[in-house]
Amino acid sequence: MEIFSSTGKNITKSGVLLQTKSIGSLIVSMSLDLEALTTEQIKVEVEKIGGNEEITKGFMSLADFIYMTTFKEDAVTSDVNYKTTAKCEICEDGSIQLGEKDVIKIELTGLKTAESYVLNGIEEPQSSRKTLSFQNKSMASDDKSKVFEVADCDIVVIDNSETIEEISYTYVNGVVVKYTLHELRVLSRSIDPVAYIKQDGTIKSSFASKIQLPLFGVNTIEVRKSQGSIINLIVRYEANDSNEF
């Protein structure tokens, strides 16, 4: 079902979109190439009587939202109408379970008035309590090393920056594995060799600005970088039946 379209409206914001019908994914369609997104942001949360579930934990980059939700099984694609189409999962194993007065709230901002942005919601044949959650983390420009707790996360999207010297994974069994930036790029492509099928038929195996990586069985990651750059990460928390936000 279509939730929102900016086509022909000359707007920079969607306003708050209230969705009372349960959905498990959003389809994001745009007249822009994915890597042309700059100011666009998205906010998704589930408003419940017992407490809200913040899927994006405030506004997050729309591009990052797509990078995070299309790693592994799903690829960013395109068609004759849109340069970018992406199926973005927000709940595992079905549509978000909604109570009688619960509502999914979606908001877009930073849109370019000359472009088209369309959101569709995908219904599933069953409901699920496994709502997903994404969170931004970062390293300041003065940081040379920082450890991030990721024990409850299964995916990380990190800036593809030449200032990164090394990333160490500490696994649940205590083993520490160190990777160079080149190694991480290759590992990402080996897991998901088709990242983006563009409108002109070009197939991209990765994205220039981000690296998508799995975190299964990882307790912490330590990022070492040179001073003077800010490194951003987005992590996805593993869905489970007792998620609390």
Protein backbone atom coordinates (compact mmCIF):
# COMPACT_ATOMS: atom_id res chain seq x y z
CA MET A 1 0.00 0.00 0.00
CA GLU A 2 1.24 3.50 -0.77
CA ILE A 3 1.86 5.53 2.38
CA PHE A 4 3.40 8.68 0.91
CA SER A 5 4.40 10.31 -2.37
CA SER A 6 6.07 13.70 -2.83
CA THR A 7 5.64 13.66 -6.62
CA GLY A 8 4.48 17.06 -7.87
CA LYS A 9 4.06 18.46 -4.35
CA ASN A 10 7.22 20.63 -4.08
CA ILE A 11 7.73 19.72 -0.41
CA THR A 12 10.74 19.10 1.83
CA LYS A 13 8.87 17.20 4.59
CA SER A 14 6.29 14.45 4.65
CA GLY A 15 4.78 15.39 7.98
CA VAL A 16 3.99 12.59 10.41
CA LEU A 17 2.54 9.62 8.55
CA LEU A 18 0.30 7.49 10.76
CA GLN A 19 -0.01 3.83 9.81
CA THR A 20 -2.56 1.77 11.71
CA LYS A 21 -2.30 -1.28 9.46
CA SER A 22 0.52 -3.65 10.38
CA ILE A 23 3.51 -3.79 7.98
CA GLY A 24 6.85 -5.61 8.05
CA SER A 25 8.84 -3.58 5.50
CA LEU A 26 8.94 -0.23 3.76
CA ILE A 27 9.62 0.14 0.05
CA VAL A 28 11.54 3.36 -0.56
CA SER A 29 11.44 4.58 -4.18
CA MET A 30 13.20 7.71 -5.44
CA SER A 31 14.03 9.59 -8.60
CA LEU A 32 17.60 9.95 -7.28
CA ASP A 33 20.48 7.49 -7.29
CA LEU A 34 21.06 6.21 -3.75
CA GLU A 35 24.48 7.83 -3.50
CA ALA A 36 22.98 11.21 -4.47
CA LEU A 37 21.10 11.38 -1.16
CA THR A 38 22.49 14.10 1.10
CA THR A 39 20.01 15.84 3.42
CA GLU A 40 17.22 13.25 3.41
CA GLN A 41 16.32 11.73 6.78
CA ILE A 42 13.75 9.24 8.06
CA LYS A 43 12.16 8.57 11.43
CA VAL A 44 10.21 5.38 12.21
CA GLU A 45 8.67 4.41 15.54
CA VAL A 46 5.80 2.36 16.88
CA GLU A 47 3.60 4.23 19.35
CA LYS A 48 2.19 1.80 21.89
CA ILE A 49 0.25 2.22 25.10
CA GLY A 50 2.91 0.28 27.00
CA GLY A 51 5.81 2.33 25.59
CA ASN A 52 7.11 3.36 22.19
CA GLU A 53 9.43 1.21 20.07
CA GLU A 54 11.92 3.51 18.34
CA ILE A 55 13.05 1.78 15.18
CA THR A 56 15.38 4.57 14.06
CA LYS A 57 15.83 6.22 17.50
CA GLY A 58 15.05 9.69 16.17
CA PHE A 59 15.87 10.86 12.66
CA MET A 60 18.59 9.02 10.76
CA SER A 61 20.01 9.42 7.27
CA LEU A 62 17.69 7.89 4.69
CA ALA A 63 20.73 6.58 2.81
CA ASP A 64 22.04 4.89 5.98
CA PHE A 65 18.58 3.41 6.60
CA ILE A 66 18.71 1.82 3.14
CA TYR A 67 22.32 0.63 3.52
CA MET A 68 21.43 -1.02 6.83
CA THR A 69 18.23 -2.75 5.68
CA THR A 70 19.44 -4.13 2.34
CA PHE A 71 22.61 -5.95 3.41
CA LYS A 72 22.86 -9.68 2.57
CA GLU A 73 19.59 -11.02 1.11
CA ASP A 74 18.22 -7.77 -0.37
CA ALA A 75 19.79 -5.56 -3.03
CA VAL A 76 19.00 -1.97 -3.89
CA THR A 77 17.39 -2.00 -7.33
CA SER A 78 15.72 0.37 -9.81
CA ASP A 79 13.08 0.42 -12.52
CA VAL A 80 11.88 2.64 -15.38
CA ASN A 81 10.19 5.04 -12.96
CA TYR A 82 12.73 5.29 -10.13
CA LYS A 83 16.53 5.31 -10.00
CA THR A 84 16.39 3.74 -6.53
CA THR A 85 13.99 1.18 -5.10
CA ALA A 86 14.73 -0.56 -1.81
CA LYS A 87 12.79 -3.00 0.35
CA CYS A 88 13.68 -2.03 3.91
CA GLU A 89 12.80 -4.55 6.61
CA ILE A 90 11.62 -3.08 9.93
CA CYS A 91 10.34 -6.32 11.51
CA GLU A 92 11.47 -9.94 11.26
CA ASP A 93 9.18 -12.92 10.66
CA GLY A 94 6.10 -10.88 9.77
CA SER A 95 4.42 -7.52 10.21
CA ILE A 96 4.81 -5.49 13.40
CA GLN A 97 2.30 -6.69 15.97
CA LEU A 98 -0.05 -3.81 16.73
CA GLY A 99 -2.59 -3.50 19.53
CA GLU A 100 -5.97 -1.86 19.08
CA LYS A 101 -4.65 1.69 19.61
CA ASP A 102 -1.06 1.18 18.45
CA VAL A 103 0.22 3.12 15.43
CA ILE A 104 3.36 3.14 13.28
CA LYS A 105 4.66 6.71 12.82
CA ILE A 106 6.89 7.52 9.86
CA GLU A 107 8.38 10.90 8.95
CA LEU A 108 10.66 12.13 6.16
CA THR A 109 12.54 15.42 6.14
CA GLY A 110 15.28 17.10 4.10
CA LEU A 111 13.64 16.14 0.81
CA LYS A 112 14.61 17.88 -2.42
CA THR A 113 11.62 19.62 -3.96
CA ALA A 114 12.55 18.73 -7.56
CA GLU A 115 12.77 14.98 -6.79
CA SER A 116 10.21 12.26 -6.13
CA TYR A 117 10.13 10.13 -2.98
CA VAL A 118 7.56 7.37 -2.50
CA LEU A 119 6.95 5.11 0.50
CA ASN A 120 4.98 1.88 0.37
CA GLY A 121 4.21 -0.42 3.28
CA ILE A 122 4.39 -4.20 2.83
CA GLU A 123 1.88 -6.32 4.72
CA GLU A 124 2.74 -9.88 5.78
CA PRO A 125 0.48 -12.92 6.35
CA GLN A 126 1.44 -13.08 10.03
CA SER A 127 2.32 -10.64 12.80
CA SER A 128 5.56 -10.58 14.78
CA ARG A 129 6.96 -8.97 17.91
CA LYS A 130 10.48 -8.94 16.40
CA THR A 131 10.62 -5.22 15.68
CA LEU A 132 14.06 -4.07 14.52
CA SER A 133 16.01 -1.13 15.91
CA PHE A 134 18.89 0.96 14.52
CA GLN A 135 21.25 3.28 16.37
CA ASN A 136 23.95 5.75 15.37
CA LYS A 137 27.39 5.66 17.04
CA SER A 138 30.46 7.76 16.28
CA MET A 139 34.11 8.53 16.93
CA ALA A 140 35.15 12.14 17.51
CA SER A 141 37.91 13.71 15.43
CA ASP A 142 40.34 13.56 18.37
CA ASP A 143 39.72 9.85 19.00
CA LYS A 144 42.43 7.49 17.83
CA SER A 145 40.76 4.34 19.16
CA LYS A 146 37.30 3.52 20.46
CA VAL A 147 35.54 0.35 21.58
CA PHE A 148 31.86 -0.17 20.73
CA GLU A 149 29.62 -2.66 22.53
CA VAL A 150 27.75 -4.65 19.86
CA ALA A 151 26.77 -7.85 21.70
CA ASP A 152 23.08 -7.46 20.81
CA CYS A 153 23.70 -6.36 17.21
CA ASP A 154 23.88 -8.35 13.98
CA ILE A 155 24.85 -5.73 11.36
CA VAL A 156 27.05 -2.63 11.33
CA VAL A 157 27.38 -0.01 8.59
CA ILE A 158 30.56 2.05 8.93
CA ASP A 159 32.05 4.96 7.01
CA ASN A 160 34.36 3.77 4.24
CA SER A 161 37.17 6.09 5.31
CA GLU A 162 40.86 5.81 4.47
CA THR A 163 41.59 7.18 7.96
CA ILE A 164 40.60 3.81 9.46
CA GLU A 165 43.77 1.87 10.25
CA GLU A 166 42.33 -1.29 11.75
CA ILE A 167 39.14 -2.77 13.20
CA SER A 168 39.27 -5.52 15.84
CA TYR A 169 36.40 -7.89 16.54
CA THR A 170 36.21 -9.52 19.98
CA TYR A 171 33.99 -12.59 19.74
CA VAL A 172 31.86 -14.16 22.48
CA ASN A 173 34.50 -16.89 22.93
CA GLY A 174 37.13 -14.25 23.71
CA VAL A 175 39.00 -14.54 20.41
CA VAL A 176 40.17 -11.21 18.96
CA VAL A 177 40.40 -10.90 15.17
CA LYS A 178 41.92 -7.84 13.48
CA TYR A 179 41.05 -6.60 9.99
CA THR A 180 42.46 -3.94 7.69
CA LEU A 181 40.12 -1.66 5.76
CA HIS A 182 40.84 -3.57 2.54
CA GLU A 183 40.03 -6.88 4.22
CA LEU A 184 36.72 -5.53 5.53
CA ARG A 185 35.74 -4.28 2.07
CA VAL A 186 36.43 -7.71 0.58
CA LEU A 187 34.56 -9.52 3.38
CA SER A 188 31.53 -7.30 2.84
CA ARG A 189 31.48 -7.97 -0.91
CA SER A 190 31.94 -11.72 -0.40
CA ILE A 191 28.81 -11.83 1.78
CA ASP A 192 26.72 -9.58 -0.47
CA PRO A 193 28.27 -9.43 -3.96
CA VAL A 194 25.30 -7.55 -5.49
CA ALA A 195 24.64 -4.33 -3.58
CA TYR A 196 22.97 -2.09 -6.17
CA ILE A 197 21.52 -2.63 -9.64
CA LYS A 198 21.31 0.82 -11.20
CA GLN A 199 18.81 2.09 -13.75
CA ASP A 200 21.36 1.91 -16.58
CA GLY A 201 21.98 -1.78 -15.80
CA THR A 202 25.26 -1.24 -13.96
CA ILE A 203 25.75 -3.68 -11.07
CA LYS A 204 27.67 -2.42 -8.05
CA SER A 205 29.10 -4.85 -5.50
CA SER A 206 29.58 -2.20 -2.81
CA PHE A 207 28.98 1.44 -1.97
CA ALA A 208 31.63 4.15 -2.15
CA SER A 209 30.82 5.78 1.17
CA LYS A 210 29.88 2.85 3.44
CA ILE A 211 30.94 -0.69 4.37
CA GLN A 212 28.25 -3.16 5.44
CA LEU A 213 29.38 -5.92 7.82
CA PRO A 214 27.88 -8.75 9.92
CA LEU A 215 28.25 -8.88 13.71
CA PHE A 216 26.98 -12.35 14.63
CA GLY A 217 28.80 -13.64 17.70
CA VAL A 218 30.70 -10.38 18.25
CA ASN A 219 30.82 -8.72 21.68
CA THR A 220 32.78 -5.57 20.82
CA ILE A 221 34.49 -3.89 17.91
CA GLU A 222 37.43 -1.55 18.32
CA VAL A 223 38.09 1.02 15.60
CA ARG A 224 41.57 2.52 15.25
CA LYS A 225 41.95 5.59 13.06
CA SER A 226 44.12 8.64 12.52
CA GLN A 227 43.18 11.86 14.27
CA GLY A 228 41.23 14.59 12.51
CA SER A 229 38.32 12.59 11.08
CA ILE A 230 34.89 11.69 12.41
CA ILE A 231 33.83 8.08 11.86
CA ASN A 232 30.15 7.17 11.98
CA LEU A 233 28.65 3.72 12.56
CA ILE A 234 25.08 2.47 12.49
CA VAL A 235 24.23 -0.81 14.20
CA ARG A 236 21.15 -3.02 13.95
CA TYR A 237 19.94 -4.66 17.12
CA GLU A 238 18.89 -8.27 16.74
CA ALA A 239 15.15 -8.70 16.86
CA ASN A 240 13.64 -10.86 19.56
CA ASP A 241 10.24 -11.36 21.14
CA SER A 242 11.11 -9.35 24.23
CA ASN A 243 12.72 -6.25 22.68
CA GLU A 244 12.42 -3.23 24.91
CA PHE A 245 13.31 0.26 23.70
